[in-house]
């Protein structure tokens, strides 16, 4: 038989098979066709010893992409660049310009614990496009895993779990980190509406560039590292995998920069929560649910966001004012009216309560998800409710204070690339005597023109420190003069002993006055609302007006 005759017979056989298949699909009963396919597959299993597992791109939930498919795609993409002949390129971020993944209808091999498997990608295109208000992808992609049936246990129990874990880790490493802010609840609904909007997070701050003592920076870094690796530890002790940080200190001391450095150190996203746009506690919980793991939830200047510190006191005052509800508006104090109107306006703006915020931080809902850090910043830590910053909610308190010499050395290295200079000694002396924030120090170190050199910047900083020191001295002298003038008007002598005795007596009288006011309040002589003012006026009336009076009231020394 010649080659031409062989090809002729082969083509005739293929044509006959195709014709038989068409006839089978068109005329063979559907019920019998199912039985035929079932038993044919059983027959093939004796001849074909391989098993296939298919991972589809979309799950049964509407428009939701499968997490397993995404993890597999990432895993195969990282392992297919060496063997696949057809790849797809995708831009992720600047420092990782291209991410390569396996193209459609391509096949690659992988080896796990000596077991060889095959991954193949494919896609199906629907014949008709359904009409819907929610557009869907035209193509349905899937990955097919093929392996020998003798390796079923290894693949199903170990290999697939390994692929999903490694794929998620690679995706986190290559992801674009984001800075989120919460949207107003009025914009939560509608087409493509979300509770959070975001931009790419590209802040360059690191712990190396942070103006702070080296010892404190290392302590914070160790704490963050321990938290990020503590999933099993938190599960063992029965706590949600989260940690709270309270950053407090004067303005310009680097609280926001610290948050950026923490995010860059851990490779976390940031959720900047604006409490004034949240209507109530229910919306606050919904926002928490929408956050993801590996993130830092930030509430900056929490003492200014909402009046959370005084809500307990307001509740008590409201309970005490129930007896006065029958009074007419004419009998009420105009100042009280204005205060009440302001409270109503604030109430209409946001109904987030201290209790709701506490539950947000440390309640049952805080356990949904994991690997979250919650950060509060404030300039005045004494204004916050103790329950808000206790251990378990704000686990670590970090004070960011005025610039010290060690912090200055970091700034000098960052801005001027200087490790030492003859003017450093003078600057160290002035920093020990002057309070200046790292932001002000950095501004003076920054060159203002190309003509300025390092010495000019250092001299400008020295001048600024001397000016600040002089201003502080003048303020202290003015305060002393005012105190001396007030003493002369009241007839006091400058004797230190008399002054100390007078202060001690005034303190004792004040304590007695507060105690008396409390007793009068308990006896029902004055109302609960007026008790604070009455106690205050009582104390003022009992404080000695002259030094002689103070001497008479003071105990003998």
Protein backbone atom coordinates (compact mmCIF):
# COMPACT_ATOMS: atom_id res chain seq x y z
CA UNK A 1 0.00 0.00 0.00
CA UNK A 2 1.39 3.33 -1.08
CA UNK A 3 1.45 6.41 1.08
CA UNK A 4 -1.25 8.09 -1.01
CA UNK A 5 -3.60 5.18 -0.61
CA UNK A 6 -3.01 5.12 3.14
CA UNK A 7 -3.90 8.80 3.52
CA UNK A 8 -6.98 8.31 1.36
CA UNK A 9 -8.26 5.49 3.56
CA UNK A 10 -7.48 7.46 6.72
CA UNK A 11 -9.40 10.49 5.53
CA UNK A 12 -12.33 8.27 4.56
CA UNK A 13 -12.32 6.73 8.05
CA UNK A 14 -12.28 10.12 9.73
CA UNK A 15 -15.10 11.31 7.52
CA UNK A 16 -17.13 8.25 8.40
CA UNK A 17 -16.57 8.76 12.12
CA UNK A 18 -17.65 12.39 11.89
CA UNK A 19 -20.79 11.40 10.01
CA UNK A 20 -21.55 8.72 12.58
CA UNK A 21 -21.09 11.25 15.42
CA UNK A 22 -23.46 13.72 13.76
CA UNK A 23 -26.07 11.02 13.31
CA UNK A 24 -25.57 9.93 16.92
CA UNK A 25 -26.05 13.47 18.26
CA UNK A 26 -29.11 14.13 16.14
CA UNK A 27 -31.06 10.86 16.20
CA UNK A 28 -29.88 8.87 19.21
CA UNK A 29 -32.29 9.28 22.20
CA UNK A 30 -31.06 11.61 24.94
CA UNK A 31 -31.79 9.13 27.73
CA UNK A 32 -29.80 6.36 26.07
CA UNK A 33 -27.02 8.78 25.23
CA UNK A 34 -26.48 9.46 28.96
CA UNK A 35 -26.15 5.76 29.74
CA UNK A 36 -23.75 5.33 26.84
CA UNK A 37 -21.51 8.15 28.04
CA UNK A 38 -21.58 6.82 31.60
CA UNK A 39 -20.45 3.34 30.72
CA UNK A 40 -17.98 4.54 28.10
CA UNK A 41 -16.24 6.63 30.77
CA UNK A 42 -16.04 3.59 33.02
CA UNK A 43 -14.52 1.64 30.20
CA UNK A 44 -12.01 4.39 29.50
CA UNK A 45 -10.98 4.48 33.18
CA UNK A 46 -9.52 0.99 32.81
CA UNK A 47 -7.46 2.09 29.83
CA UNK A 48 -6.75 5.76 30.79
CA UNK A 49 -5.20 5.85 34.33
CA UNK A 50 -5.28 9.63 34.77
CA UNK A 51 -7.62 11.82 36.82
CA UNK A 52 -8.63 15.38 35.96
CA UNK A 53 -9.80 18.19 38.27
CA UNK A 54 -11.26 21.35 36.74
CA UNK A 55 -11.15 24.75 38.49
CA UNK A 56 -13.62 27.24 37.00
CA UNK A 57 -13.09 31.00 36.98
CA UNK A 58 -16.48 31.91 38.44
CA UNK A 59 -18.29 30.30 41.34
CA UNK A 60 -22.01 29.70 41.68
CA UNK A 61 -22.37 33.10 43.35
CA UNK A 62 -23.25 35.77 40.83
CA UNK A 63 -20.36 37.72 39.34
CA UNK A 64 -17.93 36.45 41.99
CA UNK A 65 -14.54 35.30 40.82
CA UNK A 66 -13.24 32.13 42.41
CA UNK A 67 -10.46 32.70 44.92
CA UNK A 68 -9.06 29.27 44.09
CA UNK A 69 -8.87 30.15 40.39
CA UNK A 70 -7.02 33.41 41.17
CA UNK A 71 -4.55 31.64 43.46
CA UNK A 72 -3.91 28.91 40.87
CA UNK A 73 -3.42 31.51 38.14
CA UNK A 74 -0.83 33.30 40.26
CA UNK A 75 0.94 30.08 41.21
CA UNK A 76 1.11 28.77 37.64
CA UNK A 77 2.24 32.17 36.39
CA UNK A 78 5.23 32.14 38.73
CA UNK A 79 6.19 28.57 37.71
CA UNK A 80 5.33 28.60 34.01
CA UNK A 81 7.79 31.22 32.78
CA UNK A 82 10.53 28.61 32.39
CA UNK A 83 8.55 25.97 30.51
CA UNK A 84 5.53 27.57 28.80
CA UNK A 85 5.94 28.72 25.24
CA UNK A 86 2.99 31.13 25.18
CA UNK A 87 2.59 33.62 28.03
CA UNK A 88 0.44 36.64 28.84
CA UNK A 89 2.00 39.79 30.32
CA UNK A 90 0.26 42.05 32.83
CA UNK A 91 1.45 45.29 34.46
CA UNK A 92 1.02 45.29 38.24
CA UNK A 93 3.12 48.10 39.73
CA UNK A 94 6.24 50.12 39.13
CA UNK A 95 8.81 47.98 40.93
CA UNK A 96 7.31 44.80 39.34
CA UNK A 97 6.61 46.02 35.78
CA UNK A 98 5.46 42.70 34.32
CA UNK A 99 3.69 39.64 35.67
CA UNK A 100 3.64 36.66 33.31
CA UNK A 101 0.85 34.07 33.26
CA UNK A 102 0.14 31.05 31.09
CA UNK A 103 -1.82 31.81 27.93
CA UNK A 104 -5.03 30.04 26.91
CA UNK A 105 -4.77 26.45 25.64
CA UNK A 106 -1.24 26.12 26.99
CA UNK A 107 0.01 23.26 29.17
CA UNK A 108 2.80 23.18 31.74
CA UNK A 109 4.11 20.54 34.13
CA UNK A 110 4.82 20.76 37.83
CA UNK A 111 6.52 18.40 40.29
CA UNK A 112 5.54 18.08 43.95
CA UNK A 113 7.28 15.59 46.28
CA UNK A 114 8.31 13.52 43.26
CA UNK A 115 4.79 13.50 41.79
CA UNK A 116 4.39 14.92 38.28
CA UNK A 117 1.22 16.81 37.35
CA UNK A 118 0.00 18.71 34.30
CA UNK A 119 -1.81 22.06 34.26
CA UNK A 120 -3.75 23.14 31.17
CA UNK A 121 -5.74 26.32 30.58
CA UNK A 122 -8.84 26.55 28.43
CA UNK A 123 -11.89 28.70 27.92
CA UNK A 124 -15.45 28.40 26.66
CA UNK A 125 -17.35 31.08 24.78
CA UNK A 126 -21.17 31.02 25.00
CA UNK A 127 -23.00 30.74 21.68
CA UNK A 128 -25.46 33.48 22.61
CA UNK A 129 -24.95 36.58 24.76
CA UNK A 130 -27.74 36.97 27.35
CA UNK A 131 -29.42 40.35 27.73
CA UNK A 132 -28.89 41.62 31.27
CA UNK A 133 -28.51 44.87 33.20
CA UNK A 134 -25.42 43.35 34.79
CA UNK A 135 -22.81 42.74 32.11
CA UNK A 136 -20.95 39.46 32.40
CA UNK A 137 -17.75 38.24 30.85
CA UNK A 138 -18.22 36.52 27.51
CA UNK A 139 -15.52 33.95 28.17
CA UNK A 140 -15.38 31.36 30.92
CA UNK A 141 -11.86 30.24 31.72
CA UNK A 142 -10.81 27.18 33.63
CA UNK A 143 -7.69 25.32 34.68
CA UNK A 144 -7.50 21.53 34.37
CA UNK A 145 -5.22 19.56 36.65
CA UNK A 146 -4.23 16.07 35.42
CA UNK A 147 -2.41 13.46 37.50
CA UNK A 148 -2.08 9.68 37.81
CA UNK A 149 -4.75 7.96 39.88
CA UNK A 150 -2.14 6.36 42.13
CA UNK A 151 -1.24 9.89 43.38
CA UNK A 152 -4.82 10.85 44.28
CA UNK A 153 -4.15 11.12 48.02
CA UNK A 154 -1.04 13.28 47.65
CA UNK A 155 -2.71 15.65 45.19
CA UNK A 156 -6.05 16.10 46.96
CA UNK A 157 -4.69 16.37 50.51
CA UNK A 158 -1.38 18.17 50.09
CA UNK A 159 -0.66 19.50 46.62
CA UNK A 160 -3.83 21.55 46.06
CA UNK A 161 -3.49 23.12 49.50
CA UNK A 162 0.14 23.95 48.70
CA UNK A 163 -0.84 25.58 45.40
CA UNK A 164 -3.55 27.74 47.00
CA UNK A 165 -1.29 28.84 49.85
CA UNK A 166 1.64 29.72 47.62
CA UNK A 167 -0.59 31.46 45.09
CA UNK A 168 -2.13 33.71 47.74
CA UNK A 169 1.30 34.57 49.15
CA UNK A 170 2.61 35.52 45.69
CA UNK A 171 -0.53 37.59 45.02
CA UNK A 172 -0.04 39.53 48.25
CA UNK A 173 3.60 40.18 47.37
CA UNK A 174 2.78 41.44 43.86
CA UNK A 175 -0.40 43.33 44.71
CA UNK A 176 -0.85 47.08 44.43
CA UNK A 177 -1.12 48.43 47.96
CA UNK A 178 -3.95 50.92 48.43
CA UNK A 179 -5.00 53.81 50.65
CA UNK A 180 -8.74 53.64 51.34
CA UNK A 181 -11.22 56.21 52.65
CA UNK A 182 -14.84 55.57 53.54
CA UNK A 183 -17.62 56.95 51.34
CA UNK A 184 -20.78 58.57 52.66
CA UNK A 185 -23.60 56.04 53.10
CA UNK A 186 -25.66 57.98 50.55
CA UNK A 187 -23.27 56.67 47.88
CA UNK A 188 -23.24 53.03 48.98
CA UNK A 189 -25.92 51.91 46.55
CA UNK A 190 -26.12 51.92 42.78
CA UNK A 191 -24.03 50.62 39.95
CA UNK A 192 -20.44 49.89 41.01
CA UNK A 193 -20.93 51.69 44.34
CA UNK A 194 -18.64 50.71 47.20
CA UNK A 195 -18.28 51.63 50.84
CA UNK A 196 -14.59 52.43 50.38
CA UNK A 197 -12.81 54.31 47.62
CA UNK A 198 -9.06 54.08 47.16
CA UNK A 199 -5.92 55.38 45.53
CA UNK A 200 -2.56 53.68 45.18
CA UNK A 201 -0.48 53.92 48.35
CA UNK A 202 2.97 55.14 47.39
CA UNK A 203 4.22 56.92 50.52
CA UNK A 204 8.02 56.50 50.75
CA UNK A 205 8.33 56.68 54.57
CA UNK A 206 10.32 53.91 56.27
CA UNK A 207 11.61 53.31 59.78
CA UNK A 208 15.11 54.14 58.56
CA UNK A 209 13.99 57.65 57.56
CA UNK A 210 11.83 58.16 60.68
CA UNK A 211 13.16 60.79 63.11
CA UNK A 212 13.07 58.81 66.35
CA UNK A 213 15.34 57.12 68.85
CA UNK A 214 16.86 53.95 67.43
CA UNK A 215 15.93 51.90 70.50
CA UNK A 216 12.27 52.85 70.24
CA UNK A 217 12.17 52.14 66.49
CA UNK A 218 13.64 48.67 66.98
CA UNK A 219 11.12 47.96 69.72
CA UNK A 220 8.20 48.91 67.44
CA UNK A 221 9.58 46.88 64.52
CA UNK A 222 9.95 43.77 66.69
CA UNK A 223 6.41 44.18 67.95
CA UNK A 224 5.04 44.51 64.41
CA UNK A 225 7.01 41.50 63.19
CA UNK A 226 5.77 39.37 66.06
CA UNK A 227 2.18 40.37 65.30
CA UNK A 228 2.41 39.63 61.57
CA UNK A 229 3.70 36.12 62.30
CA UNK A 230 1.35 35.42 65.20
CA UNK A 231 -1.65 33.83 63.49
CA UNK A 232 -1.27 30.50 65.27
CA UNK A 233 -0.41 32.19 68.56
CA UNK A 234 -3.54 34.35 68.55
CA UNK A 235 -5.64 31.30 67.68
CA UNK A 236 -4.07 29.36 70.55
CA UNK A 237 -4.83 32.03 73.17
CA UNK A 238 -8.33 32.61 71.81
CA UNK A 239 -8.00 36.23 70.67
CA UNK A 240 -8.86 37.93 67.41
CA UNK A 241 -5.80 38.48 65.24
CA UNK A 242 -5.59 42.24 65.65
CA UNK A 243 -3.55 44.78 67.58
CA UNK A 244 -4.13 48.38 68.61
CA UNK A 245 -1.61 51.24 68.59
CA UNK A 246 -2.11 54.66 70.18
CA UNK A 247 0.17 57.37 68.77
CA UNK A 248 0.14 60.55 70.80
CA UNK A 249 2.23 63.67 71.05
CA UNK A 250 2.40 67.34 70.01
CA UNK A 251 1.66 68.37 66.40
CA UNK A 252 4.47 67.79 63.92
CA UNK A 253 6.07 64.89 65.77
CA UNK A 254 5.52 62.35 62.97
CA UNK A 255 2.36 60.41 63.87
CA UNK A 256 1.09 60.15 60.28
CA UNK A 257 4.59 59.35 59.02
CA UNK A 258 4.81 56.57 61.59
CA UNK A 259 1.61 55.01 60.16
CA UNK A 260 3.07 55.09 56.63
CA UNK A 261 6.31 53.53 57.88
CA UNK A 262 4.33 50.75 59.59
CA UNK A 263 2.37 50.05 56.39
CA UNK A 264 5.56 49.91 54.30
CA UNK A 265 7.31 47.71 56.86
CA UNK A 266 4.49 45.13 56.91
CA UNK A 267 3.38 45.62 53.29
CA UNK A 268 -0.19 46.40 54.47
CA UNK A 269 -3.01 48.49 53.02
CA UNK A 270 -4.34 51.52 54.94
CA UNK A 271 -8.01 52.27 55.68
CA UNK A 272 -8.33 55.91 56.76
CA UNK A 273 -11.67 55.99 58.62
CA UNK A 274 -13.42 59.39 58.77
CA UNK A 275 -15.89 59.08 61.65
CA UNK A 276 -17.79 62.28 60.89
CA UNK A 277 -19.23 60.76 57.70
CA UNK A 278 -20.52 57.65 59.51
CA UNK A 279 -24.15 58.06 60.54
CA UNK A 280 -24.48 55.40 63.22
CA UNK A 281 -22.96 52.31 64.80
CA UNK A 282 -24.57 50.01 62.24
CA UNK A 283 -22.75 51.75 59.37
CA UNK A 284 -19.53 51.54 61.36
CA UNK A 285 -19.87 47.75 61.56
CA UNK A 286 -20.61 47.52 57.83
CA UNK A 287 -17.43 49.45 57.07
CA UNK A 288 -15.44 47.08 59.28
CA UNK A 289 -16.82 44.04 57.44
CA UNK A 290 -15.68 45.50 54.10
CA UNK A 291 -12.05 45.81 55.21
CA UNK A 292 -9.58 43.09 54.30
CA UNK A 293 -6.75 41.40 56.13
CA UNK A 294 -3.19 42.71 56.04
CA UNK A 295 -4.42 46.24 56.64
CA UNK A 296 -4.10 49.15 59.06
CA UNK A 297 -7.33 50.90 60.09
CA UNK A 298 -6.54 54.48 61.07
CA UNK A 299 -8.59 57.08 62.95
CA UNK A 300 -6.52 60.26 63.08
CA UNK A 301 -7.09 62.96 65.71
CA UNK A 302 -9.72 60.84 67.39
CA UNK A 303 -10.26 63.45 70.11
CA UNK A 304 -11.47 65.86 67.38
CA UNK A 305 -13.41 63.42 65.18
CA UNK A 306 -16.45 63.10 67.46
CA UNK A 307 -17.32 64.15 70.99
CA UNK A 308 -16.81 60.64 72.31
CA UNK A 309 -15.20 61.56 75.61
CA UNK A 310 -18.15 63.46 77.03
CA UNK A 311 -21.00 61.20 76.04
CA UNK A 312 -21.15 59.38 79.37
CA UNK A 313 -21.41 62.65 81.24
CA UNK A 314 -24.08 63.92 78.83
CA UNK A 315 -26.12 60.77 79.40
CA UNK A 316 -26.06 61.29 83.15
CA UNK A 317 -27.03 64.93 82.80
CA UNK A 318 -29.88 63.96 80.51
CA UNK A 319 -31.21 61.51 83.13
CA UNK A 320 -31.05 64.24 85.74
CA UNK A 321 -32.92 66.71 83.54
CA UNK A 322 -36.02 64.52 83.19
CA UNK A 323 -37.69 66.36 86.06
CA UNK A 324 -37.35 69.68 84.25
CA UNK A 325 -39.12 68.61 81.04
CA UNK A 326 -42.35 70.32 82.12
CA UNK A 327 -40.76 73.76 82.17
CA UNK A 328 -41.74 76.15 79.43
CA UNK A 329 -39.24 77.39 76.87
CA UNK A 330 -39.45 80.88 78.33
CA UNK A 331 -38.11 79.74 81.67
CA UNK A 332 -35.04 78.09 80.13
CA UNK A 333 -31.70 79.82 80.01
CA UNK A 334 -30.87 81.20 76.51
CA UNK A 335 -27.36 79.76 76.82
CA UNK A 336 -28.84 76.34 77.50
CA UNK A 337 -31.04 76.74 74.43
CA UNK A 338 -28.03 77.41 72.21
CA UNK A 339 -26.17 74.47 73.72
CA UNK A 340 -29.14 72.20 73.18
CA UNK A 341 -29.46 73.31 69.55
CA UNK A 342 -25.77 72.64 68.97
CA UNK A 343 -26.11 69.17 70.47
CA UNK A 344 -29.10 68.42 68.24
CA UNK A 345 -27.18 69.54 65.18
CA UNK A 346 -24.25 67.33 66.13
CA UNK A 347 -26.63 64.45 66.77
CA UNK A 348 -28.09 64.78 63.30
CA UNK A 349 -24.62 64.73 61.81
CA UNK A 350 -23.43 61.48 63.36
CA UNK A 351 -24.87 59.03 65.87
CA UNK A 352 -21.73 57.00 66.41
CA UNK A 353 -21.40 56.43 70.14
CA UNK A 354 -18.50 55.55 72.37
CA UNK A 355 -20.04 52.12 72.89
CA UNK A 356 -20.26 51.58 69.13
CA UNK A 357 -16.62 52.54 68.66
CA UNK A 358 -15.54 50.23 71.48
CA UNK A 359 -17.41 47.33 69.88
CA UNK A 360 -15.81 48.25 66.54
CA UNK A 361 -12.36 47.91 68.10
CA UNK A 362 -12.79 45.03 70.51
CA UNK A 363 -16.30 43.60 70.10
CA UNK A 364 -17.59 40.46 68.43
CA UNK A 365 -17.54 42.07 64.99
CA UNK A 366 -13.84 42.88 65.31
CA UNK A 367 -13.10 39.15 64.93
CA UNK A 368 -14.42 38.99 61.35
CA UNK A 369 -11.29 38.60 59.28
CA UNK A 370 -7.80 38.81 60.68
CA UNK A 371 -4.37 40.43 60.57
CA UNK A 372 -5.60 43.95 61.20
CA UNK A 373 -3.91 46.78 63.05
CA UNK A 374 -6.02 49.61 64.49
CA UNK A 375 -4.25 52.93 65.03
CA UNK A 376 -5.52 56.01 66.88
CA UNK A 377 -3.66 59.32 66.79
CA UNK A 378 -4.19 62.27 69.12
CA UNK A 379 -2.42 65.39 70.27
CA UNK A 380 -4.05 65.25 73.72
CA UNK A 381 -4.21 61.74 75.15
CA UNK A 382 -5.76 62.96 78.43
CA UNK A 383 -8.95 63.92 76.56
CA UNK A 384 -9.73 60.33 75.59
CA UNK A 385 -11.99 58.05 77.59
CA UNK A 386 -9.89 55.50 79.55
CA UNK A 387 -12.06 52.66 78.22
CA UNK A 388 -11.08 53.62 74.68
CA UNK A 389 -7.33 53.31 75.19
CA UNK A 390 -7.08 50.51 77.74
CA UNK A 391 -4.93 47.43 77.10
CA UNK A 392 -6.78 45.02 74.84
CA UNK A 393 -8.01 47.86 72.65
CA UNK A 394 -4.95 50.05 72.32
CA UNK A 395 -2.33 47.46 73.25
CA UNK A 396 0.72 49.65 72.69
CA UNK A 397 0.98 53.36 73.49
CA UNK A 398 3.72 55.19 71.57
CA UNK A 399 4.63 58.73 72.56
CA UNK A 400 6.08 60.86 69.77
CA UNK A 401 7.69 63.84 71.42
CA UNK A 402 9.84 66.81 70.42
CA UNK A 403 13.02 66.34 68.46
CA UNK A 404 15.99 64.95 70.36
CA UNK A 405 19.59 64.84 69.17
CA UNK A 406 19.35 61.23 67.97
CA UNK A 407 16.29 62.12 65.89
CA UNK A 408 18.17 65.15 64.54
CA UNK A 409 21.01 62.89 63.39
CA UNK A 410 18.53 60.86 61.34
CA UNK A 411 17.16 64.04 59.75
CA UNK A 412 20.66 65.37 59.04
CA UNK A 413 21.52 62.12 57.30
CA UNK A 414 18.27 62.17 55.29
CA UNK A 415 18.30 65.82 54.24
CA UNK A 416 22.02 66.70 54.14
CA UNK A 417 23.76 63.29 54.04
CA UNK A 418 25.77 64.30 57.11
CA UNK A 419 26.84 61.93 59.86
CA UNK A 420 28.91 64.47 61.79
CA UNK A 421 29.78 68.17 61.73
CA UNK A 422 31.45 70.67 64.01
CA UNK A 423 28.09 72.41 64.58
CA UNK A 424 26.43 69.24 65.90
CA UNK A 425 27.65 69.97 69.42
CA UNK A 426 25.90 73.36 69.51
CA UNK A 427 22.71 71.84 68.06
CA UNK A 428 22.73 69.06 70.67
CA UNK A 429 22.99 71.65 73.44
CA UNK A 430 20.13 73.74 72.05
CA UNK A 431 17.87 70.69 71.49
CA UNK A 432 18.31 69.79 75.14
CA UNK A 433 17.05 73.24 76.15
CA UNK A 434 14.40 73.83 73.47
CA UNK A 435 11.19 72.11 72.41
CA UNK A 436 11.00 71.90 68.61
CA UNK A 437 9.09 69.32 66.60
CA UNK A 438 10.89 67.10 64.07
CA UNK A 439 8.80 68.72 61.32
CA UNK A 440 10.22 72.16 62.16
CA UNK A 441 13.75 70.78 62.40
CA UNK A 442 13.37 69.11 59.00
CA UNK A 443 12.06 72.32 57.43
CA UNK A 444 15.14 74.22 58.60
CA UNK A 445 17.48 71.50 57.36
CA UNK A 446 15.98 71.42 53.88
CA UNK A 447 18.06 73.50 51.40
CA UNK A 448 16.08 76.40 49.97
CA UNK A 449 18.26 76.91 46.91
CA UNK A 450 21.11 75.30 45.01
CA UNK A 451 23.56 77.82 46.46
CA UNK A 452 23.01 76.70 50.05
CA UNK A 453 25.37 74.08 51.45
CA UNK A 454 25.16 71.88 54.54
CA UNK A 455 26.69 74.47 56.86
CA UNK A 456 24.13 77.12 55.84
CA UNK A 457 21.29 74.76 56.70
CA UNK A 458 22.80 73.89 60.07
CA UNK A 459 23.30 77.57 60.90
CA UNK A 460 19.67 78.28 59.96
CA UNK A 461 18.57 75.53 62.34
CA UNK A 462 20.74 76.93 65.13
CA UNK A 463 19.23 80.38 64.60
CA UNK A 464 15.70 78.92 64.69
CA UNK A 465 16.49 77.03 67.90
CA UNK A 466 17.88 80.14 69.53
CA UNK A 467 14.82 82.14 68.47
CA UNK A 468 12.51 79.47 69.88
CA UNK A 469 14.48 79.40 73.10
CA UNK A 470 14.30 83.18 73.43
CA UNK A 471 10.55 83.20 72.77
CA UNK A 472 10.06 80.54 75.44
CA UNK A 473 12.11 82.61 77.92
CA UNK A 474 10.06 85.73 77.19
CA UNK A 475 6.81 83.85 77.68
CA UNK A 476 8.05 82.53 81.01
CA UNK A 477 9.06 86.04 82.12
CA UNK A 478 5.67 87.45 81.06
CA UNK A 479 3.90 84.74 83.01
CA UNK A 480 6.03 85.50 86.05
CA UNK A 481 5.33 89.23 85.75
CA UNK A 482 1.61 88.63 85.54
CA UNK A 483 1.73 86.42 88.60
CA UNK A 484 3.79 89.02 90.49
CA UNK A 485 1.43 91.80 89.46
CA UNK A 486 -1.57 89.80 90.58
CA UNK A 487 0.17 89.19 93.93
CA UNK A 488 0.90 92.88 94.42
CA UNK A 489 -2.71 93.79 93.74
CA UNK A 490 -3.85 91.33 96.38
CA UNK A 491 -1.19 92.47 98.87
CA UNK A 492 0.92 89.32 98.84
CA UNK A 493 4.64 89.28 99.70
CA UNK A 494 7.17 87.47 97.60
CA UNK A 495 8.12 85.17 100.45
CA UNK A 496 8.46 81.63 99.19
CA UNK A 497 7.41 80.16 102.52
CA UNK A 498 4.25 82.21 102.65
CA UNK A 499 3.46 81.36 99.06
CA UNK A 500 3.85 77.63 99.70
CA UNK A 501 1.68 77.85 102.80
CA UNK A 502 -0.95 79.76 100.89
CA UNK A 503 -0.99 77.24 98.08
CA UNK A 504 -1.29 74.38 100.53
CA UNK A 505 -4.16 76.05 102.36
CA UNK A 506 -5.95 76.86 99.14
CA UNK A 507 -5.68 73.24 98.09
CA UNK A 508 -7.11 72.00 101.38
CA UNK A 509 -9.95 74.51 101.26
CA UNK A 510 -10.73 73.49 97.68
CA UNK A 511 -10.92 69.83 98.66
CA UNK A 512 -13.18 70.67 101.60
CA UNK A 513 -15.34 72.80 99.34
CA UNK A 514 -15.72 70.00 96.80
CA UNK A 515 -16.63 67.59 99.59
CA UNK A 516 -19.23 69.96 101.00
CA UNK A 517 -20.74 70.52 97.57
CA UNK A 518 -21.01 66.76 97.12
CA UNK A 519 -22.78 66.38 100.48
CA UNK A 520 -25.23 69.16 99.64
CA UNK A 521 -25.91 67.51 96.27
CA UNK A 522 -26.67 64.18 97.97
CA UNK A 523 -29.07 65.89 100.39
CA UNK A 524 -31.05 67.20 97.46
CA UNK A 525 -30.50 70.91 98.11
CA UNK A 526 -29.39 71.52 94.52
CA UNK A 527 -30.08 69.67 91.27
CA UNK A 528 -27.58 67.38 89.57
CA UNK A 529 -27.12 69.77 86.65
CA UNK A 530 -26.21 72.71 88.95
CA UNK A 531 -23.98 70.72 91.30
CA UNK A 532 -20.74 71.33 89.37
CA UNK A 533 -21.30 75.10 89.18
CA UNK A 534 -22.30 75.28 92.88
CA UNK A 535 -19.25 73.33 93.98
CA UNK A 536 -17.08 75.58 91.88
CA UNK A 537 -18.51 78.80 93.36
CA UNK A 538 -18.28 77.35 96.88
CA UNK A 539 -14.56 76.63 96.41
CA UNK A 540 -13.90 80.11 95.04
CA UNK A 541 -15.60 81.70 98.05
CA UNK A 542 -13.48 79.68 100.47
CA UNK A 543 -10.09 80.27 98.84
CA UNK A 544 -8.16 82.90 100.86
CA UNK A 545 -7.87 86.24 99.13
CA UNK A 546 -4.80 87.50 100.99
CA UNK A 547 -1.58 86.04 102.28
CA UNK A 548 -2.61 86.80 105.84
CA UNK A 549 -5.75 84.75 105.41
CA UNK A 550 -3.71 81.94 103.92
CA UNK A 551 -1.28 82.09 106.87
CA UNK A 552 -4.14 81.83 109.33
CA UNK A 553 -5.67 78.84 107.51
CA UNK A 554 -2.38 77.02 106.79
CA UNK A 555 -1.13 74.36 109.24
CA UNK A 556 1.95 75.14 111.25
CA UNK A 557 5.26 74.25 109.64
